Amino acid sequence: DSGLNFNLDDFKDNTGITFYNAFDDSENKNDCLDSDITGHGTDCTAILCAKGASFYGVAPAISLIVIKITNQEGGRTIPAFKRGLSKAIDEGADVISISFSLAQTPSNGDDINQIHELVKKAYDRNITIVASAGDAGTLLFPINLFPASFPECLSIGGINMNRKRSNSSCRSDFLDLMGPGENITSLFNPAFPIKGTSFSTPFVAGVIAL
């Protein structure tokens, strides 16, 4: 994702975290911080496994592999995503949580196919992949984004507090499970609730980990 602010109390003494910056191909822990100025990765990680300094994540006892696929400003590339996914597979992850989605276009078909091959490789190794379905839910027709829409992935949508589909959550043809998708508190800026299938996904990944 966008990295992790590992100086937060929930993470700073956690020895069960390894780091890889796929954007720069670096295993230096500090290269996975880069201030995480978007907070996206930090929020996803807190939902997944915060250890109780501020609140508890879904699965606080897991061993965690933080894989950063963005640059310092939050920009991401498909090559970085592919390197990151390969790293998670090679490290022997049990569950891979992907809060990233990509539309298939005439120009990126080869990339989509290469990502699918990596997803199938993970599936063949009994690795569970959960991926966000996307946040184009205001459209009245299905939007099928990847990697969530691959049959080897679990596609995760978002629900509101009434257990109805969140307005932003994609009407995908490939939805498998739904997780909390609105009014979520996390660690990057606890005063401002967040929403989206990016944050539904680590809820589901945490339950699978448990």
C-alpha atoms as a PDB file:
ATOM      1  CA  ASP A   1       0.000   0.000   0.000  1.00  0.00           C
ATOM      2  CA  SER A   2       1.403   3.454   0.853  1.00  0.00           C
ATOM      3  CA  GLY A   3       3.606   2.171   3.671  1.00  0.00           C
ATOM      4  CA  LEU A   4       3.206   2.410   7.433  1.00  0.00           C
ATOM      5  CA  ASN A   5       3.947   5.036  10.055  1.00  0.00           C
ATOM      6  CA  PHE A   6       5.714   2.557  12.326  1.00  0.00           C
ATOM      7  CA  ASN A   7       6.449   5.253  14.922  1.00  0.00           C
ATOM      8  CA  LEU A   8       2.848   5.154  16.137  1.00  0.00           C
ATOM      9  CA  ASP A   9       2.468   3.489  19.537  1.00  0.00           C
ATOM     10  CA  ASP A  10       0.552   0.555  18.052  1.00  0.00           C
ATOM     11  CA  PHE A  11       3.501  -0.395  15.837  1.00  0.00           C
ATOM     12  CA  LYS A  12       6.755   1.023  17.170  1.00  0.00           C
ATOM     13  CA  ASP A  13       7.598  -1.913  19.441  1.00  0.00           C
ATOM     14  CA  ASN A  14       6.156  -4.598  17.183  1.00  0.00           C
ATOM     15  CA  THR A  15       8.949  -6.958  16.188  1.00  0.00           C
ATOM     16  CA  GLY A  16       6.610  -9.052  14.038  1.00  0.00           C
ATOM     17  CA  ILE A  17       6.700  -6.652  11.078  1.00  0.00           C
ATOM     18  CA  THR A  18       8.885  -6.922   7.991  1.00  0.00           C
ATOM     19  CA  PHE A  19       9.115  -4.232   5.347  1.00  0.00           C
ATOM     20  CA  TYR A  20       9.593  -4.014   1.601  1.00  0.00           C
ATOM     21  CA  ASN A  21       9.410  -0.923  -0.614  1.00  0.00           C
ATOM     22  CA  ALA A  22       8.393  -2.301  -4.004  1.00  0.00           C
ATOM     23  CA  PHE A  23       8.467   1.144  -5.602  1.00  0.00           C
ATOM     24  CA  ASP A  24      12.193   1.493  -4.889  1.00  0.00           C
ATOM     25  CA  ASP A  25      12.982  -2.232  -4.501  1.00  0.00           C
ATOM     26  CA  SER A  26      14.287  -1.666  -0.977  1.00  0.00           C
ATOM     27  CA  GLU A  27      13.984  -3.652   2.250  1.00  0.00           C
ATOM     28  CA  ASN A  28      15.096  -0.695   4.351  1.00  0.00           C
ATOM     29  CA  LYS A  29      12.477  -0.105   7.022  1.00  0.00           C
ATOM     30  CA  ASN A  30      12.743   3.661   6.681  1.00  0.00           C
ATOM     31  CA  ASP A  31      11.955   3.421   2.954  1.00  0.00           C
ATOM     32  CA  CYS A  32       8.554   2.048   3.940  1.00  0.00           C
ATOM     33  CA  LEU A  33       7.776   5.054   6.095  1.00  0.00           C
ATOM     34  CA  ASP A  34       8.336   8.058   3.806  1.00  0.00           C
ATOM     35  CA  SER A  35       5.962   9.764   6.274  1.00  0.00           C
ATOM     36  CA  ASP A  36       3.103   7.835   4.600  1.00  0.00           C
ATOM     37  CA  ILE A  37       1.668  11.247   3.796  1.00  0.00           C
ATOM     38  CA  THR A  38      -1.561   9.817   2.377  1.00  0.00           C
ATOM     39  CA  GLY A  39      -2.119   7.687   5.473  1.00  0.00           C
ATOM     40  CA  HIS A  40      -3.806   5.022   3.367  1.00  0.00           C
ATOM     41  CA  GLY A  41      -1.449   2.199   4.279  1.00  0.00           C
ATOM     42  CA  THR A  42      -1.321   3.207   7.935  1.00  0.00           C
ATOM     43  CA  ASP A  43      -5.114   3.232   8.156  1.00  0.00           C
ATOM     44  CA  CYS A  44      -5.397  -0.178   6.472  1.00  0.00           C
ATOM     45  CA  THR A  45      -2.754  -1.644   8.780  1.00  0.00           C
ATOM     46  CA  ALA A  46      -4.397  -0.249  11.907  1.00  0.00           C
ATOM     47  CA  ILE A  47      -7.745  -1.795  10.958  1.00  0.00           C
ATOM     48  CA  LEU A  48      -5.995  -5.081  10.353  1.00  0.00           C
ATOM     49  CA  CYS A  49      -3.747  -5.378  13.394  1.00  0.00           C
ATOM     50  CA  ALA A  50      -3.401  -2.355  15.709  1.00  0.00           C
ATOM     51  CA  LYS A  51      -2.284  -3.678  19.094  1.00  0.00           C
ATOM     52  CA  GLY A  52      -4.437  -1.634  21.458  1.00  0.00           C
ATOM     53  CA  ALA A  53      -2.421   1.502  22.211  1.00  0.00           C
ATOM     54  CA  SER A  54      -5.227   3.487  20.580  1.00  0.00           C
ATOM     55  CA  PHE A  55      -7.607   0.672  19.640  1.00  0.00           C
ATOM     56  CA  TYR A  56      -7.427  -2.958  18.625  1.00  0.00           C
ATOM     57  CA  GLY A  57      -7.368  -4.088  15.035  1.00  0.00           C
ATOM     58  CA  VAL A  58      -9.162  -7.226  13.916  1.00  0.00           C
ATOM     59  CA  ALA A  59      -6.149  -9.548  14.265  1.00  0.00           C
ATOM     60  CA  PRO A  60      -3.525  -7.856  16.479  1.00  0.00           C
ATOM     61  CA  ALA A  61      -1.366 -10.970  16.972  1.00  0.00           C
ATOM     62  CA  ILE A  62      -0.461 -11.564  13.318  1.00  0.00           C
ATOM     63  CA  SER A  63       2.980 -11.328  11.781  1.00  0.00           C
ATOM     64  CA  LEU A  64       2.827  -8.563   9.193  1.00  0.00           C
ATOM     65  CA  ILE A  65       4.577  -7.906   5.901  1.00  0.00           C
ATOM     66  CA  VAL A  66       4.274  -4.226   4.953  1.00  0.00           C
ATOM     67  CA  ILE A  67       4.745  -3.771   1.218  1.00  0.00           C
ATOM     68  CA  LYS A  68       4.847  -0.219  -0.104  1.00  0.00           C
ATOM     69  CA  ILE A  69       3.866   0.176  -3.757  1.00  0.00           C
ATOM     70  CA  THR A  70       3.740   3.984  -3.920  1.00  0.00           C
ATOM     71  CA  ASN A  71       6.279   6.773  -4.033  1.00  0.00           C
ATOM     72  CA  GLN A  72       6.523   9.390  -1.295  1.00  0.00           C
ATOM     73  CA  GLU A  73       3.645  11.411  -2.763  1.00  0.00           C
ATOM     74  CA  GLY A  74       1.343   8.407  -2.976  1.00  0.00           C
ATOM     75  CA  GLY A  75       1.779   7.797  -6.721  1.00  0.00           C
ATOM     76  CA  ARG A  76       1.714   4.147  -7.707  1.00  0.00           C
ATOM     77  CA  THR A  77       2.811   2.146 -10.731  1.00  0.00           C
ATOM     78  CA  ILE A  78       1.822  -1.263 -12.053  1.00  0.00           C
ATOM     79  CA  PRO A  79       5.450  -2.539 -12.024  1.00  0.00           C
ATOM     80  CA  ALA A  80       5.696  -1.673  -8.320  1.00  0.00           C
ATOM     81  CA  PHE A  81       2.437  -3.483  -7.652  1.00  0.00           C
ATOM     82  CA  LYS A  82       3.670  -6.588  -9.482  1.00  0.00           C
ATOM     83  CA  ARG A  83       6.968  -6.541  -7.558  1.00  0.00           C
ATOM     84  CA  GLY A  84       5.055  -6.174  -4.316  1.00  0.00           C
ATOM     85  CA  LEU A  85       2.699  -9.032  -5.066  1.00  0.00           C
ATOM     86  CA  SER A  86       5.629 -11.264  -6.042  1.00  0.00           C
ATOM     87  CA  LYS A  87       7.365 -10.392  -2.774  1.00  0.00           C
ATOM     88  CA  ALA A  88       4.317 -11.285  -0.691  1.00  0.00           C
ATOM     89  CA  ILE A  89       4.084 -14.659  -2.448  1.00  0.00           C
ATOM     90  CA  ASP A  90       7.797 -15.383  -2.091  1.00  0.00           C
ATOM     91  CA  GLU A  91       7.724 -14.440   1.605  1.00  0.00           C
ATOM     92  CA  GLY A  92       5.098 -17.113   2.179  1.00  0.00           C
ATOM     93  CA  ALA A  93       2.203 -14.909   3.217  1.00  0.00           C
ATOM     94  CA  ASP A  94      -0.923 -16.775   4.316  1.00  0.00           C
ATOM     95  CA  VAL A  95      -3.244 -13.881   3.447  1.00  0.00           C
ATOM     96  CA  ILE A  96      -2.594 -10.989   1.062  1.00  0.00           C
ATOM     97  CA  SER A  97      -4.714  -7.883   1.560  1.00  0.00           C
ATOM     98  CA  ILE A  98      -4.845  -5.540  -1.449  1.00  0.00           C
ATOM     99  CA  SER A  99      -6.519  -2.150  -1.110  1.00  0.00           C
ATOM    100  CA  PHE A 100      -5.778  -1.283  -4.721  1.00  0.00           C
ATOM    101  CA  SER A 101      -7.882  -1.584  -7.858  1.00  0.00           C
ATOM    102  CA  LEU A 102      -7.190  -1.242 -11.539  1.00  0.00           C
ATOM    103  CA  ALA A 103      -9.523  -0.901 -14.507  1.00  0.00           C
ATOM    104  CA  GLN A 104      -8.758  -2.927 -17.608  1.00  0.00           C
ATOM    105  CA  THR A 105      -8.144  -0.767 -20.657  1.00  0.00           C
ATOM    106  CA  PRO A 106      -7.004  -1.480 -24.238  1.00  0.00           C
ATOM    107  CA  SER A 107      -3.497  -0.394 -23.279  1.00  0.00           C
ATOM    108  CA  ASN A 108      -2.926  -2.419 -20.107  1.00  0.00           C
ATOM    109  CA  GLY A 109      -4.131  -5.896 -21.113  1.00  0.00           C
ATOM    110  CA  ASP A 110      -0.638  -7.396 -20.815  1.00  0.00           C
ATOM    111  CA  ASP A 111      -0.262  -5.975 -17.304  1.00  0.00           C
ATOM    112  CA  ILE A 112      -3.638  -7.359 -16.271  1.00  0.00           C
ATOM    113  CA  ASN A 113      -2.642 -10.782 -17.591  1.00  0.00           C
ATOM    114  CA  GLN A 114       0.684 -10.682 -15.734  1.00  0.00           C
ATOM    115  CA  ILE A 115      -1.059  -9.716 -12.509  1.00  0.00           C
ATOM    116  CA  HIS A 116      -3.499 -12.579 -13.048  1.00  0.00           C
ATOM    117  CA  GLU A 117      -0.621 -15.013 -13.416  1.00  0.00           C
ATOM    118  CA  LEU A 118       0.771 -13.845 -10.078  1.00  0.00           C
ATOM    119  CA  VAL A 119      -2.657 -14.176  -8.456  1.00  0.00           C
ATOM    120  CA  LYS A 120      -2.957 -17.733  -9.795  1.00  0.00           C
ATOM    121  CA  LYS A 121       0.528 -18.499  -8.457  1.00  0.00           C
ATOM    122  CA  ALA A 122      -0.593 -17.362  -5.009  1.00  0.00           C
ATOM    123  CA  TYR A 123      -3.803 -19.362  -5.286  1.00  0.00           C
ATOM    124  CA  ASP A 124      -1.851 -22.489  -6.204  1.00  0.00           C
ATOM    125  CA  ARG A 125       0.162 -22.011  -3.001  1.00  0.00           C
ATOM    126  CA  ASN A 126      -3.029 -21.815  -0.911  1.00  0.00           C
ATOM    127  CA  ILE A 127      -2.550 -18.110  -0.248  1.00  0.00           C
ATOM    128  CA  THR A 128      -5.843 -16.269   0.231  1.00  0.00           C
ATOM    129  CA  ILE A 129      -6.004 -12.955  -1.608  1.00  0.00           C
ATOM    130  CA  VAL A 130      -8.571 -10.338  -0.651  1.00  0.00           C
ATOM    131  CA  ALA A 131      -8.863  -7.211  -2.780  1.00  0.00           C
ATOM    132  CA  SER A 132     -11.032  -4.122  -2.701  1.00  0.00           C
ATOM    133  CA  ALA A 133     -13.850  -4.091  -5.248  1.00  0.00           C
ATOM    134  CA  GLY A 134     -13.492  -0.334  -5.757  1.00  0.00           C
ATOM    135  CA  ASP A 135     -15.416   2.817  -5.035  1.00  0.00           C
ATOM    136  CA  ALA A 136     -17.361   3.611  -8.196  1.00  0.00           C
ATOM    137  CA  GLY A 137     -20.645   2.651  -6.588  1.00  0.00           C
ATOM    138  CA  THR A 138     -22.464   5.805  -7.621  1.00  0.00           C
ATOM    139  CA  LEU A 139     -22.622   4.327 -11.123  1.00  0.00           C
ATOM    140  CA  LEU A 140     -25.767   2.279 -11.684  1.00  0.00           C
ATOM    141  CA  PHE A 141     -24.050  -0.517 -13.600  1.00  0.00           C
ATOM    142  CA  PRO A 142     -21.347  -3.036 -12.620  1.00  0.00           C
ATOM    143  CA  ILE A 143     -17.738  -1.916 -12.596  1.00  0.00           C
ATOM    144  CA  ASN A 144     -15.355  -4.872 -12.497  1.00  0.00           C
ATOM    145  CA  LEU A 145     -11.906  -3.856 -11.296  1.00  0.00           C
ATOM    146  CA  PHE A 146      -8.794  -5.944 -10.848  1.00  0.00           C
ATOM    147  CA  PRO A 147      -7.313  -7.869  -9.119  1.00  0.00           C
ATOM    148  CA  ALA A 148     -10.581  -8.202  -7.148  1.00  0.00           C
ATOM    149  CA  SER A 149     -12.511  -9.532 -10.169  1.00  0.00           C
ATOM    150  CA  PHE A 150     -10.164 -12.438 -10.807  1.00  0.00           C
ATOM    151  CA  PRO A 151     -11.856 -15.718  -9.796  1.00  0.00           C
ATOM    152  CA  GLU A 152      -8.896 -16.600  -7.551  1.00  0.00           C
ATOM    153  CA  CYS A 153      -9.437 -13.433  -5.459  1.00  0.00           C
ATOM    154  CA  LEU A 154     -12.059 -12.571  -2.901  1.00  0.00           C
ATOM    155  CA  SER A 155     -13.664  -9.301  -4.026  1.00  0.00           C
ATOM    156  CA  ILE A 156     -14.557  -7.123  -1.045  1.00  0.00           C
ATOM    157  CA  GLY A 157     -17.316  -4.528  -1.067  1.00  0.00           C
ATOM    158  CA  GLY A 158     -18.397  -2.132   1.653  1.00  0.00           C
ATOM    159  CA  ILE A 159     -21.521  -1.809   3.790  1.00  0.00           C
ATOM    160  CA  ASN A 160     -22.882   0.979   5.963  1.00  0.00           C
ATOM    161  CA  MET A 161     -24.024   0.754   9.579  1.00  0.00           C
ATOM    162  CA  ASN A 162     -27.412  -0.568   8.408  1.00  0.00           C
ATOM    163  CA  ARG A 163     -25.674  -3.458   6.652  1.00  0.00           C
ATOM    164  CA  LYS A 164     -26.648  -2.105   3.256  1.00  0.00           C
ATOM    165  CA  ARG A 165     -24.244  -1.514   0.390  1.00  0.00           C
ATOM    166  CA  SER A 166     -22.291   1.676   0.871  1.00  0.00           C
ATOM    167  CA  ASN A 167     -23.127   4.228  -1.819  1.00  0.00           C
ATOM    168  CA  SER A 168     -19.494   4.289  -2.896  1.00  0.00           C
ATOM    169  CA  SER A 169     -18.986   0.523  -3.101  1.00  0.00           C
ATOM    170  CA  CYS A 170     -18.841  -0.840  -6.666  1.00  0.00           C
ATOM    171  CA  ARG A 171     -21.750  -2.809  -8.100  1.00  0.00           C
ATOM    172  CA  SER A 172     -19.334  -5.497  -9.268  1.00  0.00           C
ATOM    173  CA  ASP A 173     -20.372  -8.777 -10.904  1.00  0.00           C
ATOM    174  CA  PHE A 174     -17.750 -10.542  -8.793  1.00  0.00           C
ATOM    175  CA  LEU A 175     -18.432  -9.479  -5.199  1.00  0.00           C
ATOM    176  CA  ASP A 176     -17.716 -12.203  -2.660  1.00  0.00           C
ATOM    177  CA  LEU A 177     -17.885 -10.588   0.773  1.00  0.00           C
ATOM    178  CA  MET A 178     -18.716  -7.229   2.336  1.00  0.00           C
ATOM    179  CA  GLY A 179     -16.958  -5.445   5.189  1.00  0.00           C
ATOM    180  CA  PRO A 180     -17.508  -2.206   7.096  1.00  0.00           C
ATOM    181  CA  GLY A 181     -17.156   0.615   4.581  1.00  0.00           C
ATOM    182  CA  GLU A 182     -18.306   3.842   6.247  1.00  0.00           C
ATOM    183  CA  ASN A 183     -17.680   5.873   9.411  1.00  0.00           C
ATOM    184  CA  ILE A 184     -14.478   3.988  10.226  1.00  0.00           C
ATOM    185  CA  THR A 185     -11.996   5.294  12.755  1.00  0.00           C
ATOM    186  CA  SER A 186      -8.327   4.559  12.167  1.00  0.00           C
ATOM    187  CA  LEU A 187      -4.928   5.896  13.211  1.00  0.00           C
ATOM    188  CA  PHE A 188      -3.745   8.314  10.537  1.00  0.00           C
ATOM    189  CA  ASN A 189      -6.242  10.960  11.624  1.00  0.00           C
ATOM    190  CA  PRO A 190      -8.624   9.514  14.228  1.00  0.00           C
ATOM    191  CA  ALA A 191     -10.726  12.681  14.334  1.00  0.00           C
ATOM    192  CA  PHE A 192     -11.893  12.168  10.753  1.00  0.00           C
ATOM    193  CA  PRO A 193     -13.833   8.983   9.909  1.00  0.00           C
ATOM    194  CA  ILE A 194     -12.850   7.263   6.668  1.00  0.00           C
ATOM    195  CA  LYS A 195     -14.800   5.214   4.148  1.00  0.00           C
ATOM    196  CA  GLY A 196     -14.260   3.002   1.129  1.00  0.00           C
ATOM    197  CA  THR A 197     -13.667  -0.582   0.103  1.00  0.00           C
ATOM    198  CA  SER A 198      -9.953  -0.041   0.718  1.00  0.00           C
ATOM    199  CA  PHE A 199     -10.821  -0.174   4.410  1.00  0.00           C
ATOM    200  CA  SER A 200     -13.439  -2.919   4.111  1.00  0.00           C
ATOM    201  CA  THR A 201     -10.693  -5.176   2.777  1.00  0.00           C
ATOM    202  CA  PRO A 202      -8.431  -5.334   5.881  1.00  0.00           C
ATOM    203  CA  PHE A 203     -11.477  -6.075   8.031  1.00  0.00           C
ATOM    204  CA  VAL A 204     -12.079  -9.204   5.950  1.00  0.00           C
ATOM    205  CA  ALA A 205      -8.381 -10.061   5.765  1.00  0.00           C
ATOM    206  CA  GLY A 206      -8.189  -9.876   9.547  1.00  0.00           C
ATOM    207  CA  VAL A 207     -11.117 -12.254  10.009  1.00  0.00           C
ATOM    208  CA  ILE A 208      -9.508 -14.707   7.571  1.00  0.00           C
ATOM    209  CA  ALA A 209      -6.225 -14.428   9.504  1.00  0.00           C
ATOM    210  CA  LEU A 210      -8.027 -15.255  12.740  1.00  0.00           C
END
